[in-house]
Protein backbone atom coordinates (compact mmCIF):
# COMPACT_ATOMS: atom_id res chain seq x y z
CA UNK A 1 -34.38 3.35 -8.22
CA UNK A 2 -31.54 5.90 -7.64
CA UNK A 3 -29.45 5.50 -4.96
CA UNK A 4 -30.49 1.73 -4.09
CA UNK A 5 -27.10 -0.50 -4.09
CA UNK A 6 -27.60 -2.69 -7.27
CA UNK A 7 -24.46 -4.95 -6.64
CA UNK A 8 -23.41 -6.18 -3.14
CA UNK A 9 -20.49 -3.79 -1.50
CA UNK A 10 -16.94 -5.16 -0.88
CA UNK A 11 -16.33 -6.20 2.01
CA UNK A 12 -12.93 -5.85 2.94
CA UNK A 13 -12.33 -9.27 5.11
CA UNK A 14 -10.13 -11.64 2.39
CA UNK A 15 -7.43 -10.19 1.06
CA UNK A 16 -3.97 -10.48 0.33
CA UNK A 17 -0.14 -9.28 -0.60
CA UNK A 18 0.77 -10.83 -4.28
CA UNK A 19 4.42 -9.56 -5.29
CA UNK A 20 5.19 -10.02 -9.16
CA UNK A 21 2.06 -12.36 -9.37
CA UNK A 22 2.53 -15.14 -6.62
CA UNK A 23 0.42 -14.18 -3.58
CA UNK A 24 3.37 -14.22 -0.43
CA UNK A 25 1.15 -13.03 2.47
CA UNK A 26 -2.52 -12.95 3.53
CA UNK A 27 -3.22 -9.52 5.18
CA UNK A 28 -5.26 -8.03 8.13
CA UNK A 29 -5.08 -4.27 7.21
CA UNK A 30 -3.96 -2.30 4.41
CA UNK A 31 -2.87 1.99 4.58
CA UNK A 32 -1.87 4.26 2.32
CA UNK A 33 -4.23 2.65 -0.91
CA UNK A 34 -4.64 6.82 -1.27
CA UNK A 35 -4.87 7.92 -5.15
CA UNK A 36 -4.85 11.19 -5.78
CA UNK A 37 -3.03 14.08 -7.88
CA UNK A 38 -1.22 17.41 -6.09
CA UNK A 39 -2.71 20.67 -5.90
CA UNK A 40 -0.41 23.77 -6.92
CA UNK A 41 -1.65 26.63 -5.38
CA UNK A 42 -0.99 30.43 -6.89
CA UNK A 43 -1.25 33.51 -4.69
CA UNK A 44 -2.55 36.88 -6.59
CA UNK A 45 -4.17 40.26 -6.93
CA UNK A 46 -8.02 40.03 -8.74
CA UNK A 47 -9.44 42.79 -10.95
CA UNK A 48 -10.38 44.89 -7.24
CA UNK A 49 -7.30 44.64 -5.76
CA UNK A 50 -8.58 41.64 -3.85
CA UNK A 51 -6.06 38.88 -2.84
CA UNK A 52 -7.13 35.35 -4.16
CA UNK A 53 -5.78 31.96 -4.32
CA UNK A 54 -5.83 30.22 -8.20
CA UNK A 55 -5.69 26.16 -7.36
CA UNK A 56 -4.00 24.28 -10.29
CA UNK A 57 -2.83 20.96 -11.12
CA UNK A 58 0.09 20.27 -9.68
CA UNK A 59 2.44 17.28 -9.37
CA UNK A 60 0.19 14.43 -11.76
CA UNK A 61 0.63 11.67 -8.48
CA UNK A 62 1.39 11.52 -5.13
CA UNK A 63 2.03 8.33 -3.77
CA UNK A 64 1.82 7.19 -0.21
CA UNK A 65 3.68 4.30 0.97
CA UNK A 66 1.37 1.64 2.23
CA UNK A 67 1.52 -0.07 5.57
CA UNK A 68 0.40 -3.79 5.69
CA UNK A 69 -0.66 -6.10 8.89
CA UNK A 70 0.09 -9.40 8.98
CA UNK A 71 0.67 -12.68 11.69
CA UNK A 72 3.82 -12.49 12.32
CA UNK A 73 6.00 -15.24 11.00
CA UNK A 74 7.15 -18.69 12.54
CA UNK A 75 9.94 -18.37 10.73
CA UNK A 76 11.48 -15.35 9.56
CA UNK A 77 14.57 -16.97 6.91
CA UNK A 78 11.83 -18.92 5.22
CA UNK A 79 9.51 -16.14 4.23
CA UNK A 80 9.71 -14.45 1.33
CA UNK A 81 8.83 -10.40 2.54
CA UNK A 82 11.99 -11.33 5.47
CA UNK A 83 14.51 -12.21 2.86
CA UNK A 84 13.47 -9.56 1.05
CA UNK A 85 13.72 -6.74 3.76
CA UNK A 86 16.76 -8.08 4.38
CA UNK A 87 18.69 -8.36 1.85
CA UNK A 88 17.76 -4.54 1.25
CA UNK A 89 18.48 -3.94 4.47
CA UNK A 90 22.12 -5.92 4.29
CA UNK A 91 23.63 -5.06 0.83
CA UNK A 92 21.49 -1.49 0.18
CA UNK A 93 19.66 -0.10 -3.15
CA UNK A 94 22.56 0.05 -5.46
CA UNK A 95 22.27 2.46 -8.84
CA UNK A 96 22.69 -1.00 -10.30
CA UNK A 97 20.25 -3.53 -8.87
CA UNK A 98 17.14 -1.10 -8.67
CA UNK A 99 14.97 -3.07 -10.99
CA UNK A 100 15.82 -5.75 -8.80
CA UNK A 101 15.04 -4.57 -5.43
CA UNK A 102 11.99 -2.23 -6.12
CA UNK A 103 8.99 -4.70 -7.38
CA UNK A 104 5.37 -4.39 -8.16
CA UNK A 105 2.86 -5.99 -6.60
CA UNK A 106 -0.92 -6.18 -5.68
CA UNK A 107 -3.17 -5.88 -2.62
CA UNK A 108 -6.31 -8.28 -3.99
CA UNK A 109 -9.49 -8.62 -2.16
CA UNK A 110 -12.44 -10.82 -2.27
CA UNK A 111 -15.53 -11.52 -2.25
CA UNK A 112 -16.91 -14.68 0.37
CA UNK A 113 -17.49 -16.72 -2.83
CA UNK A 114 -13.19 -16.05 -3.60
CA UNK A 115 -14.13 -14.23 -6.48
CA UNK A 116 -11.87 -11.40 -7.23
CA UNK A 117 -13.71 -7.87 -6.57
CA UNK A 118 -11.11 -4.91 -6.47
CA UNK A 119 -7.24 -4.80 -6.72
CA UNK A 120 -4.50 -2.16 -5.93
CA UNK A 121 -1.71 -2.79 -8.49
CA UNK A 122 2.02 -0.50 -7.08
CA UNK A 123 4.90 -0.16 -8.34
CA UNK A 124 8.81 -0.57 -8.02
CA UNK A 125 8.21 -1.12 -3.87
CA UNK A 126 10.04 -2.14 -1.79
CA UNK A 127 9.76 -2.75 2.10
CA UNK A 128 11.72 -0.42 4.15
CA UNK A 129 10.20 -1.38 8.08
CA UNK A 130 8.90 -4.23 9.57
CA UNK A 131 7.15 -3.52 13.01
CA UNK A 132 6.44 -6.76 15.76
CA UNK A 133 3.15 -5.48 17.91
CA UNK A 134 3.91 -4.70 21.45
CA UNK A 135 4.54 -7.87 23.50
CA UNK A 136 2.82 -8.32 26.58
CA UNK A 137 2.19 -11.34 29.14
CA UNK A 138 -2.05 -11.14 29.30
CA UNK A 139 -2.10 -10.82 25.24
CA UNK A 140 -4.61 -13.21 23.78
CA UNK A 141 -4.43 -12.86 20.54
CA UNK A 142 -1.25 -13.98 17.64
CA UNK A 143 1.47 -11.27 17.59
CA UNK A 144 1.14 -9.50 13.77
CA UNK A 145 3.13 -7.13 12.40
CA UNK A 146 3.49 -3.94 10.38
CA UNK A 147 5.56 -3.63 7.35
CA UNK A 148 5.64 -0.38 5.58
CA UNK A 149 6.71 -0.06 1.72
CA UNK A 150 7.67 3.09 -0.70
CA UNK A 151 6.27 2.60 -3.59
CA UNK A 152 6.66 4.67 -7.06
CA UNK A 153 2.84 4.42 -8.18
CA UNK A 154 -0.15 3.30 -7.46
CA UNK A 155 -3.41 2.39 -9.23
CA UNK A 156 -6.93 0.67 -8.87
CA UNK A 157 -8.08 -2.48 -10.99
CA UNK A 158 -11.68 -3.18 -10.79
């Protein structure tokens, strides 16, 4: 019958960050998984003097930044995301080491049976901000941090 689900929907509860094929962190939430093309607008006067706007394909790809939330690690000196971020912050992004500092990665979603059900691949990404949650003496949950990534391309697989 049309309109009925024939497969289970993706339930976003098990997802991880992979960098260069290695799982480096479990995640609590992710935003910025937007894939879109650009639109160019041109205003012109039509046949009867009516103003009209023509929309056409603009830039081939618009790429947002990614934000990933995870539980803050206890030891930032042994955390691969923090090491990567500190390396960029302390040494900068020189033209000569572009390929070494920017990495490819994936946000990978799994179902309850631990089978991969979706994958968002990003290319030439690098972390540019790590924000730690507000701290409060009356909080009863784990401290979280949000990592912001600049990326150059995003695609969904599966």
